[in-house]
N, C-alpha and C. Protein backbone atom coordinates (compact mmCIF):
# COMPACT_ATOMS: atom_id res chain seq x y z
N MET A 1 13.64 -5.55 -14.44
CA MET A 1 14.58 -5.47 -13.65
C MET A 1 13.53 -5.83 -12.48
N GLU A 2 14.11 -6.83 -11.67
CA GLU A 2 13.85 -7.33 -10.27
C GLU A 2 13.47 -5.88 -9.26
N SER A 3 12.15 -6.65 -9.11
CA SER A 3 11.50 -5.49 -8.19
C SER A 3 12.24 -5.27 -6.40
N VAL A 4 12.84 -4.13 -6.07
CA VAL A 4 13.57 -3.91 -4.71
C VAL A 4 13.01 -4.51 -4.15
N LEU A 5 11.61 -4.20 -3.52
CA LEU A 5 10.58 -4.50 -2.51
C LEU A 5 10.77 -6.28 -2.52
N LYS A 6 10.23 -6.53 -3.46
CA LYS A 6 10.34 -8.23 -3.87
C LYS A 6 11.53 -8.92 -3.11
N GLN A 7 12.81 -8.34 -3.08
CA GLN A 7 13.83 -8.86 -2.77
C GLN A 7 14.12 -8.56 -1.18
N ARG A 8 13.69 -7.54 -0.70
CA ARG A 8 13.81 -6.95 0.65
C ARG A 8 12.63 -8.23 1.26
N ILE A 9 11.34 -8.67 0.74
CA ILE A 9 10.76 -9.47 1.16
C ILE A 9 11.52 -11.04 1.59
N GLN A 10 12.00 -11.24 0.35
CA GLN A 10 12.81 -12.89 0.38
C GLN A 10 13.80 -12.62 1.51
N GLU A 11 14.27 -11.51 1.48
CA GLU A 11 15.39 -11.19 2.40
C GLU A 11 14.60 -11.49 4.02
N GLU A 12 14.08 -10.45 4.19
CA GLU A 12 13.05 -10.84 5.51
C GLU A 12 12.68 -12.12 5.68
N LEU A 13 11.99 -12.96 4.80
CA LEU A 13 11.77 -14.50 5.30
C LEU A 13 12.75 -15.32 5.79
N LYS A 14 14.15 -15.09 5.13
CA LYS A 14 15.13 -15.66 5.76
C LYS A 14 15.54 -15.52 6.65
N ALA A 15 15.34 -13.82 7.06
CA ALA A 15 15.81 -13.53 8.66
C ALA A 15 14.78 -14.10 9.67
N ALA A 16 13.46 -13.90 8.99
CA ALA A 16 12.47 -14.53 10.31
C ALA A 16 12.59 -15.74 10.34
N MET A 17 12.87 -16.52 9.42
CA MET A 17 13.06 -18.16 9.24
C MET A 17 13.98 -18.79 10.36
N ARG A 18 15.61 -17.68 10.43
CA ARG A 18 16.44 -17.98 11.35
C ARG A 18 16.00 -17.53 12.68
N ASP A 19 15.24 -16.37 12.80
CA ASP A 19 14.79 -15.91 14.33
C ASP A 19 13.80 -16.37 14.90
N GLY A 20 13.09 -17.66 13.70
CA GLY A 20 12.11 -18.13 14.84
C GLY A 20 10.93 -17.25 14.64
N ASP A 21 10.73 -16.44 14.27
CA ASP A 21 9.57 -15.42 14.25
C ASP A 21 8.38 -15.85 13.40
N GLU A 22 7.19 -16.34 14.17
CA GLU A 22 6.01 -17.13 13.56
C GLU A 22 5.49 -15.91 12.53
N ALA A 23 4.99 -14.92 13.39
CA ALA A 23 4.12 -13.81 12.31
C ALA A 23 4.93 -13.31 11.13
N ARG A 24 6.40 -13.15 11.37
CA ARG A 24 7.10 -12.46 10.11
C ARG A 24 6.71 -13.33 9.22
N LYS A 25 7.44 -14.84 9.52
CA LYS A 25 7.35 -15.96 8.80
C LYS A 25 6.52 -15.76 8.24
N THR A 26 4.67 -16.06 8.51
CA THR A 26 3.92 -16.07 8.06
C THR A 26 3.58 -15.61 7.05
N VAL A 27 4.06 -14.00 7.38
CA VAL A 27 3.50 -12.87 6.26
C VAL A 27 4.25 -12.76 5.28
N PHE A 28 5.75 -12.88 5.45
CA PHE A 28 6.38 -13.03 4.17
C PHE A 28 6.23 -14.34 3.25
N ARG A 29 6.00 -15.65 4.13
CA ARG A 29 5.78 -16.70 2.91
C ARG A 29 4.74 -16.41 1.68
N LEU A 30 3.39 -15.85 2.83
CA LEU A 30 2.24 -15.21 2.20
C LEU A 30 2.51 -14.44 0.86
N LEU A 31 3.72 -13.48 1.37
CA LEU A 31 3.69 -12.11 0.27
C LEU A 31 4.68 -13.30 -1.20
N VAL A 32 5.47 -13.75 -0.63
CA VAL A 32 6.36 -14.68 -1.66
C VAL A 32 5.41 -15.52 -2.50
N ALA A 33 4.47 -16.08 -1.89
CA ALA A 33 3.30 -16.86 -2.54
C ALA A 33 2.70 -15.79 -3.44
N GLN A 34 2.09 -14.55 -3.45
CA GLN A 34 1.24 -13.85 -3.87
C GLN A 34 2.42 -13.43 -5.36
N ILE A 35 3.57 -12.94 -4.91
CA ILE A 35 4.20 -12.32 -5.79
C ILE A 35 4.95 -13.24 -6.81
N LYS A 36 4.38 -14.65 -6.47
CA LYS A 36 4.88 -15.71 -7.70
C LYS A 36 3.57 -15.73 -8.47
N ASN A 37 2.24 -16.13 -7.65
CA ASN A 37 1.37 -15.59 -8.50
C ASN A 37 1.12 -14.74 -9.42
N ALA A 38 1.74 -13.42 -9.07
CA ALA A 38 1.30 -12.55 -9.80
C ALA A 38 2.20 -12.03 -10.87
N GLU A 39 3.78 -12.90 -10.87
CA GLU A 39 4.43 -13.28 -12.14
C GLU A 39 3.84 -13.85 -13.30
N VAL A 40 3.40 -14.74 -12.36
CA VAL A 40 2.96 -15.75 -13.46
C VAL A 40 1.85 -15.16 -14.21
N GLU A 41 0.51 -14.56 -13.89
CA GLU A 41 -0.16 -13.71 -14.39
C GLU A 41 0.15 -12.72 -15.08
N ALA A 42 1.67 -12.13 -14.76
CA ALA A 42 1.88 -11.01 -15.63
C ALA A 42 1.97 -11.79 -17.04
N ARG A 43 3.04 -13.15 -16.84
CA ARG A 43 3.44 -13.74 -17.99
C ARG A 43 2.68 -13.97 -18.87
N THR A 44 1.42 -14.42 -18.54
CA THR A 44 0.17 -15.03 -19.22
C THR A 44 -0.50 -13.54 -19.95
N ASP A 45 -0.36 -12.05 -19.36
CA ASP A 45 -1.05 -11.54 -20.28
C ASP A 45 -0.01 -10.77 -20.85
N GLY A 46 1.22 -10.84 -21.02
CA GLY A 46 2.08 -10.42 -22.05
C GLY A 46 2.97 -9.29 -21.02
N ARG A 47 2.85 -9.28 -20.04
CA ARG A 47 3.68 -8.13 -19.18
C ARG A 47 4.99 -8.85 -18.93
N GLY A 48 5.76 -10.07 -19.51
CA GLY A 48 7.13 -10.48 -19.15
C GLY A 48 7.30 -11.46 -18.20
N GLY A 49 6.16 -11.11 -16.72
CA GLY A 49 6.36 -11.94 -15.97
C GLY A 49 7.32 -10.96 -14.46
N VAL A 50 7.56 -9.87 -15.07
CA VAL A 50 8.39 -8.83 -13.98
C VAL A 50 7.30 -7.88 -13.48
N LEU A 51 7.92 -8.01 -12.29
CA LEU A 51 6.61 -7.04 -10.98
C LEU A 51 7.53 -6.03 -10.90
N SER A 52 7.10 -4.81 -10.88
CA SER A 52 7.28 -3.54 -10.33
C SER A 52 7.33 -3.39 -9.01
N ASP A 53 8.47 -2.89 -8.17
CA ASP A 53 7.89 -2.03 -6.67
C ASP A 53 6.71 -1.85 -6.51
N SER A 54 5.76 -1.11 -7.93
CA SER A 54 4.24 -0.65 -7.54
C SER A 54 3.57 -2.17 -7.64
N ASP A 55 3.90 -2.82 -7.88
CA ASP A 55 2.58 -3.87 -8.24
C ASP A 55 3.13 -4.32 -6.87
N VAL A 56 4.35 -4.68 -6.89
CA VAL A 56 4.48 -5.37 -5.47
C VAL A 56 3.41 -4.67 -4.19
N LEU A 57 4.08 -3.76 -3.94
CA LEU A 57 3.11 -2.79 -3.15
C LEU A 57 2.02 -2.89 -3.21
N ALA A 58 1.05 -2.66 -4.63
CA ALA A 58 -0.17 -3.07 -4.47
C ALA A 58 -0.79 -4.54 -3.94
N LEU A 59 0.40 -5.70 -4.11
CA LEU A 59 -0.21 -6.75 -3.34
C LEU A 59 -0.08 -6.40 -1.63
N VAL A 60 0.96 -5.93 -1.24
CA VAL A 60 0.76 -5.48 0.16
C VAL A 60 -0.31 -4.73 0.93
N ARG A 61 -0.17 -3.64 -0.13
CA ARG A 61 -1.76 -3.06 0.26
C ARG A 61 -2.84 -3.73 0.53
N ARG A 62 -3.12 -4.93 -0.88
CA ARG A 62 -4.25 -5.96 -0.58
C ARG A 62 -4.23 -6.43 0.66
N GLU A 63 -3.20 -7.13 0.96
CA GLU A 63 -2.92 -7.85 2.06
C GLU A 63 -3.34 -7.20 3.35
N ILE A 64 -2.61 -6.19 3.20
CA ILE A 64 -2.87 -5.05 4.75
C ILE A 64 -4.38 -5.16 5.08
N LYS A 65 -5.33 -4.64 4.04
CA LYS A 65 -6.64 -4.47 3.70
C LYS A 65 -7.16 -5.82 4.21
N GLN A 66 -7.07 -6.93 3.58
CA GLN A 66 -7.42 -8.01 4.11
C GLN A 66 -7.49 -8.50 5.79
N HIS A 67 -6.07 -8.15 6.39
CA HIS A 67 -5.78 -8.59 7.68
C HIS A 67 -6.58 -7.42 8.50
N GLU A 68 -6.85 -6.19 7.93
CA GLU A 68 -7.76 -5.28 9.12
C GLU A 68 -9.69 -5.57 8.73
N GLU A 69 -9.83 -6.48 7.70
CA GLU A 69 -10.95 -6.73 7.81
C GLU A 69 -11.11 -8.19 9.14
N SER A 70 -10.01 -8.99 8.74
CA SER A 70 -10.06 -10.43 9.69
C SER A 70 -10.19 -9.67 11.24
N LEU A 71 -9.19 -8.78 11.30
CA LEU A 71 -9.14 -8.28 13.05
C LEU A 71 -10.28 -7.55 13.28
N LEU A 72 -11.03 -6.57 12.32
CA LEU A 72 -11.95 -6.45 12.90
C LEU A 72 -13.51 -7.58 13.05
N GLU A 73 -12.77 -8.32 12.34
CA GLU A 73 -14.32 -9.64 12.08
C GLU A 73 -13.49 -10.56 13.74
N ALA A 74 -12.84 -10.82 14.02
CA ALA A 74 -11.88 -11.59 15.33
C ALA A 74 -12.24 -10.57 16.29
N GLN A 75 -12.49 -9.13 16.21
CA GLN A 75 -12.50 -8.50 17.39
C GLN A 75 -13.96 -8.43 17.46
N ASN A 76 -14.98 -8.58 16.65
CA ASN A 76 -16.27 -8.68 16.87
C ASN A 76 -16.76 -9.72 17.53
N ALA A 77 -15.90 -11.35 17.20
CA ALA A 77 -16.33 -12.36 17.55
C ALA A 77 -15.80 -12.58 19.11
N GLY A 78 -14.91 -11.61 19.26
CA GLY A 78 -14.28 -11.88 20.79
C GLY A 78 -13.14 -12.76 21.05
N ARG A 79 -12.44 -13.49 19.78
CA ARG A 79 -11.41 -13.98 19.65
C ARG A 79 -10.04 -13.18 19.97
N GLU A 80 -9.48 -13.11 21.32
CA GLU A 80 -8.44 -12.45 21.44
C GLU A 80 -7.09 -13.06 20.91
N ASP A 81 -7.23 -14.53 21.00
CA ASP A 81 -6.11 -15.12 20.35
C ASP A 81 -5.96 -14.84 19.02
N LEU A 82 -6.78 -14.71 18.45
CA LEU A 82 -6.77 -14.16 16.58
C LEU A 82 -6.38 -13.02 16.39
N VAL A 83 -7.30 -11.88 17.39
CA VAL A 83 -6.85 -10.32 17.37
C VAL A 83 -5.29 -10.32 17.65
N ALA A 84 -4.94 -11.00 18.49
CA ALA A 84 -3.37 -10.91 18.61
C ALA A 84 -2.38 -11.21 17.44
N ARG A 85 -2.74 -12.52 16.99
CA ARG A 85 -2.15 -12.76 15.61
C ARG A 85 -2.28 -11.77 14.50
N GLN A 86 -3.93 -11.60 14.07
CA GLN A 86 -3.48 -10.89 13.04
C GLN A 86 -3.13 -9.36 13.24
N GLN A 87 -3.04 -8.67 14.51
CA GLN A 87 -2.40 -7.42 14.67
C GLN A 87 -1.13 -7.71 14.33
N ALA A 88 -0.45 -8.62 15.26
CA ALA A 88 1.14 -8.88 14.85
C ALA A 88 1.50 -8.87 13.15
N GLU A 89 0.44 -9.59 12.78
CA GLU A 89 0.81 -9.78 11.03
C GLU A 89 0.78 -8.50 10.24
N LEU A 90 -0.40 -7.75 10.63
CA LEU A 90 -0.48 -6.26 10.26
C LEU A 90 0.47 -5.47 10.83
N ASP A 91 1.30 -5.53 11.58
CA ASP A 91 2.10 -4.71 12.00
C ASP A 91 3.59 -4.78 10.94
N VAL A 92 3.35 -6.03 10.86
CA VAL A 92 4.89 -6.46 10.06
C VAL A 92 4.39 -6.09 8.18
N LEU A 93 3.14 -6.27 7.92
CA LEU A 93 2.68 -5.88 6.20
C LEU A 93 2.90 -3.94 6.48
N LYS A 94 2.58 -3.64 7.21
CA LYS A 94 2.60 -2.01 7.53
C LYS A 94 4.21 -1.91 7.57
N SER A 95 5.08 -2.55 8.40
CA SER A 95 6.53 -2.11 8.15
C SER A 95 7.15 -1.88 6.82
N LEU A 96 6.29 -2.45 5.66
CA LEU A 96 7.14 -2.50 4.12
C LEU A 96 6.62 -1.39 3.52
N LEU A 97 5.35 -0.56 4.14
CA LEU A 97 4.63 0.24 3.30
C LEU A 97 5.87 1.94 3.40
N PRO A 98 5.67 2.41 2.02
CA PRO A 98 6.53 3.41 2.07
C PRO A 98 6.40 4.53 3.38
N ARG A 99 7.44 5.62 3.85
CA ARG A 99 6.54 6.60 4.61
C ARG A 99 5.41 7.37 4.14
N GLN A 100 4.19 7.68 4.46
CA GLN A 100 3.29 8.42 4.10
C GLN A 100 3.10 9.49 4.45
N LEU A 101 3.08 10.52 3.31
CA LEU A 101 3.22 11.91 3.52
C LEU A 101 2.12 12.81 4.38
N SER A 102 2.58 13.66 5.16
CA SER A 102 1.62 13.97 6.04
C SER A 102 0.75 14.90 5.76
N ARG A 103 -0.91 15.31 6.47
CA ARG A 103 -1.73 15.97 5.86
C ARG A 103 -1.05 17.67 5.22
N GLU A 104 0.04 17.98 6.22
CA GLU A 104 0.33 19.12 5.59
C GLU A 104 1.22 19.32 4.24
N GLU A 105 2.23 18.10 4.17
CA GLU A 105 2.60 17.84 2.84
C GLU A 105 1.82 17.42 1.81
N ILE A 106 0.91 16.95 1.91
CA ILE A 106 -0.33 16.34 0.97
C ILE A 106 -0.90 18.16 0.47
N ILE A 107 -1.41 18.85 1.62
CA ILE A 107 -1.97 20.30 1.20
C ILE A 107 -0.69 21.10 0.49
N ALA A 108 0.30 21.05 0.65
CA ALA A 108 1.33 21.79 0.04
C ALA A 108 1.46 21.43 -1.31
N LEU A 109 1.61 19.78 -1.50
CA LEU A 109 1.50 19.36 -3.24
C LEU A 109 0.53 19.76 -3.60
N ALA A 110 -0.94 19.94 -3.32
CA ALA A 110 -2.18 20.09 -3.71
C ALA A 110 -2.13 21.65 -4.26
N ARG A 111 -2.01 22.40 -3.42
CA ARG A 111 -1.73 23.76 -3.36
C ARG A 111 -1.37 24.08 -4.96
N GLN A 112 0.13 23.72 -4.80
CA GLN A 112 0.96 23.87 -5.93
C GLN A 112 0.54 23.16 -7.17
N THR A 113 -0.25 22.08 -7.23
CA THR A 113 -0.68 21.84 -8.70
C THR A 113 -1.91 22.05 -9.02
N ILE A 114 -2.56 22.70 -7.91
CA ILE A 114 -4.15 23.71 -8.25
C ILE A 114 -3.42 25.22 -8.86
N GLN A 115 -2.18 25.48 -8.53
CA GLN A 115 -1.43 26.95 -9.14
C GLN A 115 -1.26 26.38 -10.25
N GLU A 116 -0.57 25.23 -10.65
CA GLU A 116 -0.14 24.83 -11.62
C GLU A 116 -1.06 25.06 -12.73
N LEU A 117 -2.21 24.34 -12.33
CA LEU A 117 -3.37 24.15 -13.20
C LEU A 117 -4.47 25.38 -13.45
N ASN A 118 -4.08 26.59 -12.47
CA ASN A 118 -4.69 27.74 -12.57
C ASN A 118 -6.17 26.97 -12.29
N ALA A 119 -6.34 26.20 -11.53
CA ALA A 119 -8.01 26.00 -11.10
C ALA A 119 -8.41 26.65 -9.83
N THR A 120 -9.89 26.77 -10.17
CA THR A 120 -10.43 27.76 -9.18
C THR A 120 -11.81 27.24 -8.77
N SER A 121 -12.08 26.28 -9.13
CA SER A 121 -13.69 25.92 -9.02
C SER A 121 -14.00 24.38 -8.83
N PRO A 122 -14.82 23.89 -7.92
CA PRO A 122 -15.01 22.09 -7.52
C PRO A 122 -14.89 21.60 -8.75
N LYS A 123 -15.24 22.23 -9.82
CA LYS A 123 -15.74 21.13 -11.07
C LYS A 123 -14.34 20.81 -11.72
N GLN A 124 -13.59 21.54 -11.21
CA GLN A 124 -11.44 20.83 -11.80
C GLN A 124 -11.01 20.00 -10.83
N HIS A 125 -12.10 19.24 -9.71
CA HIS A 125 -11.52 18.54 -8.92
C HIS A 125 -10.49 17.39 -9.54
N GLY A 126 -11.45 17.21 -10.59
CA GLY A 126 -11.06 15.48 -11.33
C GLY A 126 -9.76 16.13 -12.41
N GLN A 127 -9.70 17.12 -12.93
CA GLN A 127 -8.46 17.47 -13.64
C GLN A 127 -7.17 17.57 -12.63
N VAL A 128 -7.42 18.44 -11.14
CA VAL A 128 -6.46 18.56 -10.44
C VAL A 128 -5.86 17.12 -9.62
N MET A 129 -6.84 15.89 -9.48
CA MET A 129 -6.32 14.66 -8.94
C MET A 129 -5.65 14.13 -10.16
N LYS A 130 -5.74 14.19 -11.46
CA LYS A 130 -5.59 13.57 -12.48
C LYS A 130 -3.90 13.83 -12.48
N ALA A 131 -3.61 15.41 -12.05
CA ALA A 131 -2.43 15.64 -12.36
C ALA A 131 -1.81 15.19 -10.87
N LEU A 132 -2.60 15.88 -9.93
CA LEU A 132 -1.71 15.06 -8.49
C LEU A 132 -1.38 14.19 -8.30
N GLN A 133 -2.40 12.48 -8.59
CA GLN A 133 -2.05 11.44 -8.72
C GLN A 133 -0.35 10.72 -8.62
N PRO A 134 -0.07 11.34 -9.68
CA PRO A 134 1.37 10.23 -10.06
C PRO A 134 2.15 10.91 -8.90
N LYS A 135 2.13 12.42 -8.57
CA LYS A 135 3.10 12.52 -7.15
C LYS A 135 2.95 12.18 -6.17
N VAL A 136 1.87 11.65 -6.19
CA VAL A 136 1.68 10.98 -4.43
C VAL A 136 0.98 9.66 -4.58
N LYS A 137 1.53 8.98 -5.78
CA LYS A 137 0.97 7.55 -5.62
C LYS A 137 2.03 6.72 -5.19
N ASP A 138 1.75 5.60 -4.11
CA ASP A 138 2.32 4.94 -3.02
C ASP A 138 2.49 5.51 -2.10
N ILE A 139 2.50 6.84 -1.74
CA ILE A 139 3.01 7.51 -0.35
C ILE A 139 1.69 8.46 0.05
N ALA A 140 0.65 8.43 -0.36
CA ALA A 140 -0.50 9.17 0.27
C ALA A 140 -1.67 8.32 0.09
N ASP A 141 -2.81 8.61 1.12
CA ASP A 141 -4.48 7.74 0.86
C ASP A 141 -4.52 8.69 0.13
N GLY A 142 -5.37 8.08 -1.25
CA GLY A 142 -5.95 8.70 -2.26
C GLY A 142 -7.58 9.41 -1.73
N LYS A 143 -8.01 8.77 -0.84
CA LYS A 143 -8.88 9.32 -0.08
C LYS A 143 -8.62 10.59 0.46
N LEU A 144 -8.00 10.69 1.33
CA LEU A 144 -7.27 12.19 1.87
C LEU A 144 -6.92 12.95 0.64
N VAL A 145 -6.09 12.86 0.04
CA VAL A 145 -6.05 13.53 -1.15
C VAL A 145 -6.72 13.76 -1.70
N SER A 146 -7.87 13.47 -2.02
CA SER A 146 -8.97 13.88 -2.48
C SER A 146 -10.31 14.88 -1.75
N GLU A 147 -9.85 14.52 -0.68
CA GLU A 147 -10.63 15.53 0.37
C GLU A 147 -10.08 16.66 0.39
N ILE A 148 -8.35 16.78 0.69
CA ILE A 148 -7.64 17.84 0.27
C ILE A 148 -8.13 19.00 -0.60
N VAL A 149 -7.95 18.40 -1.70
CA VAL A 149 -7.87 18.84 -3.00
C VAL A 149 -9.77 19.49 -2.91
N ARG A 150 -10.72 18.64 -2.57
CA ARG A 150 -12.05 19.26 -2.43
C ARG A 150 -12.16 20.67 -1.48
N GLU A 151 -11.29 20.56 -0.19
CA GLU A 151 -11.42 21.55 0.61
C GLU A 151 -10.61 22.72 -0.32
N LEU A 152 -9.54 22.42 -0.99
CA LEU A 152 -9.05 23.64 -1.46
C LEU A 152 -9.78 24.31 -2.59
N LEU A 153 -10.24 23.52 -3.22
CA LEU A 153 -11.00 23.90 -3.96
C LEU A 153 -12.77 24.75 -4.05
N GLY A 154 -13.01 24.19 -2.70
CA GLY A 154 -14.09 24.56 -1.82
C GLY A 154 -14.54 25.74 -2.02
């Protein structure tokens, strides 16, 4: 099954080209190329060359991380021209992410999972995280989730 996010990226590229929006056009061209490379890789390793939305989202997250690093380097070098471009591209990339859970929503899910597992000690952190991860995958920051679970078990 074709990734919905991949289709959205292709449609966004067409719209950016029509509108003449350089930042969006650059980002979506980069993502289309990354997706094609990942599909070729998936074909060679036996996954049939089909990427899920989760796979495409992982590519987007990787690009966000790279753009954040480049933005920091440009800021440290005092290159305002690069800072503006990197920030514009970063904003486009972040618009592709699904809505992230709030801290309160993560706490509620973590409490529910802890209760389901009858977890009571910090030693059970790994067990709770293993059960909680599928519920929050792609919609919550893993570090924040781990921190909250640690607080609730501690």
